[in-house]
Amino acid sequence: MVVAAIPTMNNSGFEFIDKFGAGVGQYIADQKVLLEDTDGESVNVRTVESRNCMIEQLTSMLAIINATVGKLETALNKAKSNQTRDMLVVDSLISRMNGENEWKSIARKPARKQIGAPPPLGVKTKVKVSETLGLNAIRVANFDQVAQDGEMYYVDSCDHFAYRLAGRLFHGNVGTIYTDEKNPEKIKDCRFAASCNKQEQCDYYHDPRLFPGSKDRRNYIASSWMYAPPQSRYDRGRARRFGSREHLDSDILSMNEENIARYHSQTTHDVICSLLLPS
């Protein structure tokens, strides 16, 4: 066994995090006056100019942070993977030191080696979407393990596919598209937050990031793919409110938290369907 040189450990990482957090907090505190609600009646030109400068600075900060997220996640996943392998070696050495022979070690091999056992986490495997269709995805235990590396992931705990794009996490699965159902289910978000005690029986959708343990797949109605512009005679509540180039700037103002969450779910639904189609 080769023992590599052990790197010197220090607290520079924690010190950097503390300084970074304190710096961001101080910056926001210094700009407090620019974040106060306006009365909508009078305008201070100097305040407008200062706030515009602040917006540019915050936009640059977020761009840098988002670009860094992928690097941090890649390093974290690599470190976890290496740590798992090394700990298996350590466990093996300890077992030998305790007098366990090779036959005992074989008897204690993980159950995943048995026929019919689920594939191991961290390995790319085909995940079924329907009886005949499936996607190759890396199986992980939770959303924190989804890296921004161009791969599709599958989170075992909630039956959701997931991927990161431009620092943003997208997740979901292929849902049912209702065409004439009078009482469609799992379309709108449940409003009881984590206090909902009937998730599986509840008619509303439970995002697994907000409801640990949920395996809901968001469903849709056919008109969810129809765009309704401002002042449309169609019901905008059931149609897309965002996406047409000529109305982007005004439409985005009408998008609330639930509209955005539903749009993101629909995006993932479409991505999965696209990947299932022949290239």
C-alpha atoms as a PDB file:
ATOM      1  CA  MET A   1       0.000   0.000   0.000  1.00  0.00           C
ATOM      2  CA  VAL A   2       1.362   3.422  -0.952  1.00  0.00           C
ATOM      3  CA  VAL A   3       0.907   6.174   1.619  1.00  0.00           C
ATOM      4  CA  ALA A   4       0.918   9.628   0.045  1.00  0.00           C
ATOM      5  CA  ALA A   5       2.174  12.738   1.775  1.00  0.00           C
ATOM      6  CA  ILE A   6      -0.538  14.251   3.956  1.00  0.00           C
ATOM      7  CA  PRO A   7      -1.290  17.893   3.087  1.00  0.00           C
ATOM      8  CA  THR A   8      -1.137  20.399   5.903  1.00  0.00           C
ATOM      9  CA  MET A   9      -4.629  21.325   7.065  1.00  0.00           C
ATOM     10  CA  ASN A  10      -5.569  24.891   7.940  1.00  0.00           C
ATOM     11  CA  ASN A  11      -8.651  27.009   8.460  1.00  0.00           C
ATOM     12  CA  SER A  12      -8.138  29.270   5.445  1.00  0.00           C
ATOM     13  CA  GLY A  13     -11.351  27.992   3.815  1.00  0.00           C
ATOM     14  CA  PHE A  14     -13.480  28.785   6.853  1.00  0.00           C
ATOM     15  CA  GLU A  15     -11.786  32.165   7.267  1.00  0.00           C
ATOM     16  CA  PHE A  16     -12.531  32.992   3.621  1.00  0.00           C
ATOM     17  CA  ILE A  17     -16.209  32.023   4.048  1.00  0.00           C
ATOM     18  CA  ASP A  18     -16.513  34.143   7.194  1.00  0.00           C
ATOM     19  CA  LYS A  19     -14.895  37.150   5.517  1.00  0.00           C
ATOM     20  CA  PHE A  20     -16.982  36.727   2.377  1.00  0.00           C
ATOM     21  CA  GLY A  21     -20.248  36.494   4.334  1.00  0.00           C
ATOM     22  CA  ALA A  22     -19.301  39.453   6.495  1.00  0.00           C
ATOM     23  CA  GLY A  23     -18.319  41.465   3.420  1.00  0.00           C
ATOM     24  CA  VAL A  24     -21.621  40.795   1.654  1.00  0.00           C
ATOM     25  CA  GLY A  25     -23.561  41.638   4.807  1.00  0.00           C
ATOM     26  CA  GLN A  26     -21.634  44.883   5.277  1.00  0.00           C
ATOM     27  CA  TYR A  27     -22.125  45.859   1.630  1.00  0.00           C
ATOM     28  CA  ILE A  28     -25.885  45.406   1.892  1.00  0.00           C
ATOM     29  CA  ALA A  29     -25.967  47.273   5.198  1.00  0.00           C
ATOM     30  CA  ASP A  30     -24.053  50.179   3.632  1.00  0.00           C
ATOM     31  CA  GLN A  31     -26.635  50.339   0.829  1.00  0.00           C
ATOM     32  CA  LYS A  32     -29.617  50.138   3.193  1.00  0.00           C
ATOM     33  CA  VAL A  33     -31.033  53.491   2.135  1.00  0.00           C
ATOM     34  CA  LEU A  34     -31.212  52.308  -1.482  1.00  0.00           C
ATOM     35  CA  LEU A  35     -33.275  49.264  -0.465  1.00  0.00           C
ATOM     36  CA  GLU A  36     -35.925  51.153   1.446  1.00  0.00           C
ATOM     37  CA  ASP A  37     -39.417  51.229  -0.080  1.00  0.00           C
ATOM     38  CA  THR A  38     -40.223  54.409  -1.984  1.00  0.00           C
ATOM     39  CA  ASP A  39     -43.442  56.370  -1.567  1.00  0.00           C
ATOM     40  CA  GLY A  40     -44.114  56.360  -5.316  1.00  0.00           C
ATOM     41  CA  GLU A  41     -44.674  60.109  -5.335  1.00  0.00           C
ATOM     42  CA  SER A  42     -41.281  61.800  -5.223  1.00  0.00           C
ATOM     43  CA  VAL A  43     -38.021  60.746  -6.867  1.00  0.00           C
ATOM     44  CA  ASN A  44     -34.481  61.637  -5.839  1.00  0.00           C
ATOM     45  CA  VAL A  45     -32.326  61.639  -8.967  1.00  0.00           C
ATOM     46  CA  ARG A  46     -29.125  61.002  -6.987  1.00  0.00           C
ATOM     47  CA  THR A  47     -30.744  58.001  -5.291  1.00  0.00           C
ATOM     48  CA  VAL A  48     -31.834  56.615  -8.665  1.00  0.00           C
ATOM     49  CA  GLU A  49     -28.280  56.936 -10.001  1.00  0.00           C
ATOM     50  CA  SER A  50     -26.792  55.288  -6.891  1.00  0.00           C
ATOM     51  CA  ARG A  51     -29.330  52.465  -6.985  1.00  0.00           C
ATOM     52  CA  ASN A  52     -28.569  51.847 -10.656  1.00  0.00           C
ATOM     53  CA  CYS A  53     -24.890  51.527  -9.771  1.00  0.00           C
ATOM     54  CA  MET A  54     -25.809  49.115  -6.982  1.00  0.00           C
ATOM     55  CA  ILE A  55     -27.875  47.009  -9.391  1.00  0.00           C
ATOM     56  CA  GLU A  56     -24.897  46.736 -11.745  1.00  0.00           C
ATOM     57  CA  GLN A  57     -22.620  45.727  -8.872  1.00  0.00           C
ATOM     58  CA  LEU A  58     -25.044  43.118  -7.524  1.00  0.00           C
ATOM     59  CA  THR A  59     -25.529  41.707 -11.033  1.00  0.00           C
ATOM     60  CA  SER A  60     -21.755  41.330 -11.414  1.00  0.00           C
ATOM     61  CA  MET A  61     -21.488  39.708  -7.978  1.00  0.00           C
ATOM     62  CA  LEU A  62     -24.197  37.171  -8.804  1.00  0.00           C
ATOM     63  CA  ALA A  63     -22.588  36.382 -12.154  1.00  0.00           C
ATOM     64  CA  ILE A  64     -19.262  35.656 -10.448  1.00  0.00           C
ATOM     65  CA  ILE A  65     -20.922  33.552  -7.733  1.00  0.00           C
ATOM     66  CA  ASN A  66     -22.963  31.543 -10.248  1.00  0.00           C
ATOM     67  CA  ALA A  67     -19.830  30.866 -12.293  1.00  0.00           C
ATOM     68  CA  THR A  68     -18.102  29.641  -9.144  1.00  0.00           C
ATOM     69  CA  VAL A  69     -20.930  27.353  -8.021  1.00  0.00           C
ATOM     70  CA  GLY A  70     -20.167  24.756 -10.696  1.00  0.00           C
ATOM     71  CA  LYS A  71     -16.480  24.637  -9.725  1.00  0.00           C
ATOM     72  CA  LEU A  72     -17.331  24.237  -6.045  1.00  0.00           C
ATOM     73  CA  GLU A  73     -19.845  21.458  -6.744  1.00  0.00           C
ATOM     74  CA  THR A  74     -17.397  19.588  -8.982  1.00  0.00           C
ATOM     75  CA  ALA A  75     -14.679  19.816  -6.306  1.00  0.00           C
ATOM     76  CA  LEU A  76     -17.137  18.750  -3.576  1.00  0.00           C
ATOM     77  CA  ASN A  77     -18.397  15.717  -5.516  1.00  0.00           C
ATOM     78  CA  LYS A  78     -14.843  14.687  -6.397  1.00  0.00           C
ATOM     79  CA  ALA A  79     -13.780  15.012  -2.748  1.00  0.00           C
ATOM     80  CA  LYS A  80     -16.775  12.957  -1.563  1.00  0.00           C
ATOM     81  CA  SER A  81     -16.084  10.264  -4.152  1.00  0.00           C
ATOM     82  CA  ASN A  82     -12.411  10.017  -3.178  1.00  0.00           C
ATOM     83  CA  GLN A  83     -13.316  10.043   0.509  1.00  0.00           C
ATOM     84  CA  THR A  84     -15.746   7.143   0.055  1.00  0.00           C
ATOM     85  CA  ARG A  85     -13.117   5.045  -1.732  1.00  0.00           C
ATOM     86  CA  ASP A  86     -10.455   5.795   0.887  1.00  0.00           C
ATOM     87  CA  MET A  87     -12.810   5.001   3.765  1.00  0.00           C
ATOM     88  CA  LEU A  88     -13.522   1.599   2.215  1.00  0.00           C
ATOM     89  CA  VAL A  89      -9.771   0.937   2.210  1.00  0.00           C
ATOM     90  CA  VAL A  90      -9.491   2.061   5.841  1.00  0.00           C
ATOM     91  CA  ASP A  91     -12.405  -0.164   6.819  1.00  0.00           C
ATOM     92  CA  SER A  92     -10.740  -3.117   5.087  1.00  0.00           C
ATOM     93  CA  LEU A  93      -7.446  -2.506   6.907  1.00  0.00           C
ATOM     94  CA  ILE A  94      -9.184  -2.247  10.276  1.00  0.00           C
ATOM     95  CA  SER A  95     -11.042  -5.484   9.607  1.00  0.00           C
ATOM     96  CA  ARG A  96      -7.770  -7.272   8.850  1.00  0.00           C
ATOM     97  CA  MET A  97      -6.145  -5.870  11.984  1.00  0.00           C
ATOM     98  CA  ASN A  98      -9.082  -7.207  14.003  1.00  0.00           C
ATOM     99  CA  GLY A  99      -8.355 -10.691  12.678  1.00  0.00           C
ATOM    100  CA  GLU A 100     -11.104 -10.983  10.098  1.00  0.00           C
ATOM    101  CA  ASN A 101     -10.129 -13.272   7.239  1.00  0.00           C
ATOM    102  CA  GLU A 102     -10.879 -12.955   3.570  1.00  0.00           C
ATOM    103  CA  TRP A 103     -13.919 -15.266   3.749  1.00  0.00           C
ATOM    104  CA  LYS A 104     -15.610 -13.027   6.303  1.00  0.00           C
ATOM    105  CA  SER A 105     -14.917  -9.981   4.143  1.00  0.00           C
ATOM    106  CA  ILE A 106     -16.543 -11.669   1.159  1.00  0.00           C
ATOM    107  CA  ALA A 107     -19.598 -12.524   3.221  1.00  0.00           C
ATOM    108  CA  ARG A 108     -19.986  -8.846   4.148  1.00  0.00           C
ATOM    109  CA  LYS A 109     -20.011  -7.526   0.571  1.00  0.00           C
ATOM    110  CA  PRO A 110     -22.772  -4.916  -0.041  1.00  0.00           C
ATOM    111  CA  ALA A 111     -26.191  -6.235  -1.029  1.00  0.00           C
ATOM    112  CA  ARG A 112     -26.053  -4.263  -4.282  1.00  0.00           C
ATOM    113  CA  LYS A 113     -23.894  -6.995  -5.764  1.00  0.00           C
ATOM    114  CA  GLN A 114     -26.861  -9.359  -5.593  1.00  0.00           C
ATOM    115  CA  ILE A 115     -29.122  -9.891  -8.587  1.00  0.00           C
ATOM    116  CA  GLY A 116     -32.134  -7.591  -8.549  1.00  0.00           C
ATOM    117  CA  ALA A 117     -30.615  -5.026  -6.166  1.00  0.00           C
ATOM    118  CA  PRO A 118     -30.857  -1.323  -7.162  1.00  0.00           C
ATOM    119  CA  PRO A 119     -27.850   0.185  -8.977  1.00  0.00           C
ATOM    120  CA  PRO A 120     -25.297   1.905  -6.715  1.00  0.00           C
ATOM    121  CA  LEU A 121     -25.378   5.658  -6.243  1.00  0.00           C
ATOM    122  CA  GLY A 122     -22.904   7.767  -8.183  1.00  0.00           C
ATOM    123  CA  VAL A 123     -23.063   5.469 -11.213  1.00  0.00           C
ATOM    124  CA  LYS A 124     -24.669   6.296 -14.554  1.00  0.00           C
ATOM    125  CA  THR A 125     -27.415   3.840 -15.356  1.00  0.00           C
ATOM    126  CA  LYS A 126     -30.620   3.740 -17.393  1.00  0.00           C
ATOM    127  CA  VAL A 127     -33.608   5.024 -15.424  1.00  0.00           C
ATOM    128  CA  LYS A 128     -37.047   4.038 -16.706  1.00  0.00           C
ATOM    129  CA  VAL A 129     -39.479   6.827 -17.558  1.00  0.00           C
ATOM    130  CA  SER A 130     -42.085   4.496 -19.023  1.00  0.00           C
ATOM    131  CA  GLU A 131     -42.330   0.771 -19.712  1.00  0.00           C
ATOM    132  CA  THR A 132     -40.167   1.029 -22.820  1.00  0.00           C
ATOM    133  CA  LEU A 133     -38.368   4.390 -22.540  1.00  0.00           C
ATOM    134  CA  GLY A 134     -35.638   5.529 -20.202  1.00  0.00           C
ATOM    135  CA  LEU A 135     -32.737   7.975 -19.778  1.00  0.00           C
ATOM    136  CA  ASN A 136     -29.124   7.392 -18.862  1.00  0.00           C
ATOM    137  CA  ALA A 137     -28.593   9.342 -15.648  1.00  0.00           C
ATOM    138  CA  ILE A 138     -26.246   9.416 -12.663  1.00  0.00           C
ATOM    139  CA  ARG A 139     -28.105   8.181  -9.582  1.00  0.00           C
ATOM    140  CA  VAL A 140     -27.600  10.324  -6.468  1.00  0.00           C
ATOM    141  CA  ALA A 141     -29.131  10.477  -3.018  1.00  0.00           C
ATOM    142  CA  ASN A 142     -30.121  14.160  -2.943  1.00  0.00           C
ATOM    143  CA  PHE A 143     -30.136  17.416  -4.916  1.00  0.00           C
ATOM    144  CA  ASP A 144     -26.895  18.620  -3.314  1.00  0.00           C
ATOM    145  CA  GLN A 145     -25.051  15.943  -5.288  1.00  0.00           C
ATOM    146  CA  VAL A 146     -26.260  17.258  -8.659  1.00  0.00           C
ATOM    147  CA  ALA A 147     -23.250  18.866 -10.349  1.00  0.00           C
ATOM    148  CA  GLN A 148     -23.108  21.340 -13.218  1.00  0.00           C
ATOM    149  CA  ASP A 149     -21.270  19.117 -15.667  1.00  0.00           C
ATOM    150  CA  GLY A 150     -23.652  18.578 -18.586  1.00  0.00           C
ATOM    151  CA  GLU A 151     -24.916  15.271 -17.188  1.00  0.00           C
ATOM    152  CA  MET A 152     -28.469  14.284 -16.266  1.00  0.00           C
ATOM    153  CA  TYR A 153     -28.909  13.104 -12.675  1.00  0.00           C
ATOM    154  CA  TYR A 154     -31.614  11.033 -11.021  1.00  0.00           C
ATOM    155  CA  VAL A 155     -32.419  11.672  -7.346  1.00  0.00           C
ATOM    156  CA  ASP A 156     -33.460   8.315  -5.914  1.00  0.00           C
ATOM    157  CA  SER A 157     -35.193   9.728  -2.849  1.00  0.00           C
ATOM    158  CA  CYS A 158     -37.853  11.629  -4.824  1.00  0.00           C
ATOM    159  CA  ASP A 159     -37.982  10.000  -8.294  1.00  0.00           C
ATOM    160  CA  HIS A 160     -36.914  13.255  -9.962  1.00  0.00           C
ATOM    161  CA  PHE A 161     -34.420  13.841 -12.743  1.00  0.00           C
ATOM    162  CA  ALA A 162     -32.213  16.878 -12.163  1.00  0.00           C
ATOM    163  CA  TYR A 163     -29.525  18.975 -13.832  1.00  0.00           C
ATOM    164  CA  ARG A 164     -27.822  22.318 -13.311  1.00  0.00           C
ATOM    165  CA  LEU A 165     -27.602  24.957 -15.992  1.00  0.00           C
ATOM    166  CA  ALA A 166     -25.972  28.371 -15.522  1.00  0.00           C
ATOM    167  CA  GLY A 167     -25.825  27.727 -11.791  1.00  0.00           C
ATOM    168  CA  ARG A 168     -29.544  26.986 -11.513  1.00  0.00           C
ATOM    169  CA  LEU A 169     -31.037  23.636 -10.484  1.00  0.00           C
ATOM    170  CA  PHE A 170     -33.824  22.174 -12.614  1.00  0.00           C
ATOM    171  CA  HIS A 171     -35.629  19.042 -11.483  1.00  0.00           C
ATOM    172  CA  GLY A 172     -38.774  17.041 -12.152  1.00  0.00           C
ATOM    173  CA  ASN A 173     -40.122  14.136 -14.147  1.00  0.00           C
ATOM    174  CA  VAL A 174     -42.567  13.552 -16.994  1.00  0.00           C
ATOM    175  CA  GLY A 175     -46.063  14.239 -15.718  1.00  0.00           C
ATOM    176  CA  THR A 176     -49.554  13.596 -17.026  1.00  0.00           C
ATOM    177  CA  ILE A 177     -51.012  16.132 -19.477  1.00  0.00           C
ATOM    178  CA  TYR A 178     -54.761  16.382 -18.915  1.00  0.00           C
ATOM    179  CA  THR A 179     -56.942  17.197 -21.921  1.00  0.00           C
ATOM    180  CA  ASP A 180     -60.491  16.929 -20.606  1.00  0.00           C
ATOM    181  CA  GLU A 181     -60.196  16.006 -16.937  1.00  0.00           C
ATOM    182  CA  LYS A 182     -62.592  18.034 -14.747  1.00  0.00           C
ATOM    183  CA  ASN A 183     -60.514  17.629 -11.590  1.00  0.00           C
ATOM    184  CA  PRO A 184     -56.842  17.399 -12.562  1.00  0.00           C
ATOM    185  CA  GLU A 185     -54.397  16.585  -9.758  1.00  0.00           C
ATOM    186  CA  LYS A 186     -50.852  17.611  -8.827  1.00  0.00           C
ATOM    187  CA  ILE A 187     -50.880  20.757 -10.988  1.00  0.00           C
ATOM    188  CA  LYS A 188     -50.852  23.623  -8.516  1.00  0.00           C
ATOM    189  CA  ASP A 189     -48.443  23.883  -5.582  1.00  0.00           C
ATOM    190  CA  CYS A 190     -49.678  22.854  -2.144  1.00  0.00           C
ATOM    191  CA  ARG A 191     -49.957  25.984  -0.017  1.00  0.00           C
ATOM    192  CA  PHE A 192     -49.574  24.286   3.367  1.00  0.00           C
ATOM    193  CA  ALA A 193     -45.783  24.240   3.135  1.00  0.00           C
ATOM    194  CA  ALA A 194     -44.267  21.493   5.289  1.00  0.00           C
ATOM    195  CA  SER A 195     -47.400  21.262   7.455  1.00  0.00           C
ATOM    196  CA  CYS A 196     -49.396  19.254   4.880  1.00  0.00           C
ATOM    197  CA  ASN A 197     -50.040  15.869   6.498  1.00  0.00           C
ATOM    198  CA  LYS A 198     -51.709  14.101   3.569  1.00  0.00           C
ATOM    199  CA  GLN A 199     -49.154  14.533   0.794  1.00  0.00           C
ATOM    200  CA  GLU A 200     -49.895  11.323  -1.124  1.00  0.00           C
ATOM    201  CA  GLN A 201     -53.654  11.865  -0.880  1.00  0.00           C
ATOM    202  CA  CYS A 202     -53.445  15.625  -1.415  1.00  0.00           C
ATOM    203  CA  ASP A 203     -54.583  16.843  -4.853  1.00  0.00           C
ATOM    204  CA  TYR A 204     -51.842  19.479  -4.960  1.00  0.00           C
ATOM    205  CA  TYR A 205     -48.192  19.192  -5.967  1.00  0.00           C
ATOM    206  CA  HIS A 206     -45.490  18.877  -3.300  1.00  0.00           C
ATOM    207  CA  ASP A 207     -42.017  19.948  -4.401  1.00  0.00           C
ATOM    208  CA  PRO A 208     -39.558  17.465  -2.823  1.00  0.00           C
ATOM    209  CA  ARG A 209     -37.158  20.304  -2.027  1.00  0.00           C
ATOM    210  CA  LEU A 210     -39.859  21.810   0.203  1.00  0.00           C
ATOM    211  CA  PHE A 211     -41.511  18.539   1.260  1.00  0.00           C
ATOM    212  CA  PRO A 212     -38.795  15.975   2.108  1.00  0.00           C
ATOM    213  CA  GLY A 213     -40.002  12.501   1.229  1.00  0.00           C
ATOM    214  CA  SER A 214     -42.381  13.632  -1.519  1.00  0.00           C
ATOM    215  CA  LYS A 215     -42.289  11.672  -4.778  1.00  0.00           C
ATOM    216  CA  ASP A 216     -44.857  13.818  -6.580  1.00  0.00           C
ATOM    217  CA  ARG A 217     -44.560  14.418 -10.299  1.00  0.00           C
ATOM    218  CA  ARG A 218     -46.113  17.668 -11.416  1.00  0.00           C
ATOM    219  CA  ASN A 219     -48.957  17.245 -13.908  1.00  0.00           C
ATOM    220  CA  TYR A 220     -50.266  19.721 -16.477  1.00  0.00           C
ATOM    221  CA  ILE A 221     -53.290  20.601 -18.555  1.00  0.00           C
ATOM    222  CA  ALA A 222     -52.979  20.884 -22.324  1.00  0.00           C
ATOM    223  CA  SER A 223     -53.470  24.660 -22.299  1.00  0.00           C
ATOM    224  CA  SER A 224     -50.347  25.009 -20.113  1.00  0.00           C
ATOM    225  CA  TRP A 225     -48.351  25.160 -23.360  1.00  0.00           C
ATOM    226  CA  MET A 226     -50.510  27.934 -24.851  1.00  0.00           C
ATOM    227  CA  TYR A 227     -49.135  31.458 -24.485  1.00  0.00           C
ATOM    228  CA  ALA A 228     -51.596  34.172 -23.471  1.00  0.00           C
ATOM    229  CA  PRO A 229     -50.329  37.751 -23.979  1.00  0.00           C
ATOM    230  CA  PRO A 230     -51.379  40.690 -21.756  1.00  0.00           C
ATOM    231  CA  GLN A 231     -55.065  41.623 -22.053  1.00  0.00           C
ATOM    232  CA  SER A 232     -55.714  38.249 -23.665  1.00  0.00           C
ATOM    233  CA  ARG A 233     -59.293  37.005 -23.793  1.00  0.00           C
ATOM    234  CA  TYR A 234     -58.003  33.592 -22.689  1.00  0.00           C
ATOM    235  CA  ASP A 235     -57.596  32.640 -19.042  1.00  0.00           C
ATOM    236  CA  ARG A 236     -53.994  33.587 -18.285  1.00  0.00           C
ATOM    237  CA  GLY A 237     -54.132  31.561 -15.065  1.00  0.00           C
ATOM    238  CA  ARG A 238     -54.022  28.303 -17.047  1.00  0.00           C
ATOM    239  CA  ALA A 239     -51.757  29.427 -19.901  1.00  0.00           C
ATOM    240  CA  ARG A 240     -48.158  30.549 -20.207  1.00  0.00           C
ATOM    241  CA  ARG A 241     -47.669  34.152 -19.195  1.00  0.00           C
ATOM    242  CA  PHE A 242     -44.035  34.415 -20.234  1.00  0.00           C
ATOM    243  CA  GLY A 243     -41.979  33.518 -23.288  1.00  0.00           C
ATOM    244  CA  SER A 244     -42.960  35.703 -26.239  1.00  0.00           C
ATOM    245  CA  ARG A 245     -40.156  38.050 -27.230  1.00  0.00           C
ATOM    246  CA  GLU A 246     -42.256  41.177 -27.733  1.00  0.00           C
ATOM    247  CA  HIS A 247     -43.738  40.977 -24.227  1.00  0.00           C
ATOM    248  CA  LEU A 248     -40.798  39.653 -22.161  1.00  0.00           C
ATOM    249  CA  ASP A 249     -40.173  42.886 -20.243  1.00  0.00           C
ATOM    250  CA  SER A 250     -43.791  43.351 -19.245  1.00  0.00           C
ATOM    251  CA  ASP A 251     -44.699  39.669 -18.808  1.00  0.00           C
ATOM    252  CA  ILE A 252     -41.936  39.042 -16.302  1.00  0.00           C
ATOM    253  CA  LEU A 253     -43.578  41.502 -13.921  1.00  0.00           C
ATOM    254  CA  SER A 254     -46.689  39.301 -13.749  1.00  0.00           C
ATOM    255  CA  MET A 255     -44.792  36.114 -12.880  1.00  0.00           C
ATOM    256  CA  ASN A 256     -45.251  35.177  -9.238  1.00  0.00           C
ATOM    257  CA  GLU A 257     -43.429  32.435  -7.304  1.00  0.00           C
ATOM    258  CA  GLU A 258     -45.901  29.709  -8.262  1.00  0.00           C
ATOM    259  CA  ASN A 259     -45.896  30.721 -11.964  1.00  0.00           C
ATOM    260  CA  ILE A 260     -42.105  30.491 -11.989  1.00  0.00           C
ATOM    261  CA  ALA A 261     -42.017  27.122 -10.200  1.00  0.00           C
ATOM    262  CA  ARG A 262     -44.561  25.671 -12.633  1.00  0.00           C
ATOM    263  CA  TYR A 263     -42.596  27.051 -15.615  1.00  0.00           C
ATOM    264  CA  HIS A 264     -39.386  25.432 -14.331  1.00  0.00           C
ATOM    265  CA  SER A 265     -41.166  22.081 -13.866  1.00  0.00           C
ATOM    266  CA  GLN A 266     -42.566  22.325 -17.379  1.00  0.00           C
ATOM    267  CA  THR A 267     -39.099  23.086 -18.733  1.00  0.00           C
ATOM    268  CA  THR A 268     -37.698  19.919 -17.149  1.00  0.00           C
ATOM    269  CA  HIS A 269     -40.682  17.918 -18.454  1.00  0.00           C
ATOM    270  CA  ASP A 270     -39.874  19.150 -21.982  1.00  0.00           C
ATOM    271  CA  VAL A 271     -36.132  18.491 -21.629  1.00  0.00           C
ATOM    272  CA  ILE A 272     -36.753  14.883 -20.548  1.00  0.00           C
ATOM    273  CA  CYS A 273     -39.200  14.327 -23.410  1.00  0.00           C
ATOM    274  CA  SER A 274     -36.699  15.816 -25.878  1.00  0.00           C
ATOM    275  CA  LEU A 275     -33.948  13.485 -24.637  1.00  0.00           C
ATOM    276  CA  LEU A 276     -36.252  10.493 -25.014  1.00  0.00           C
ATOM    277  CA  LEU A 277     -36.725  11.305 -28.705  1.00  0.00           C
ATOM    278  CA  PRO A 278     -34.186  10.083 -31.283  1.00  0.00           C
ATOM    279  CA  SER A 279     -31.407  12.585 -31.948  1.00  0.00           C
END
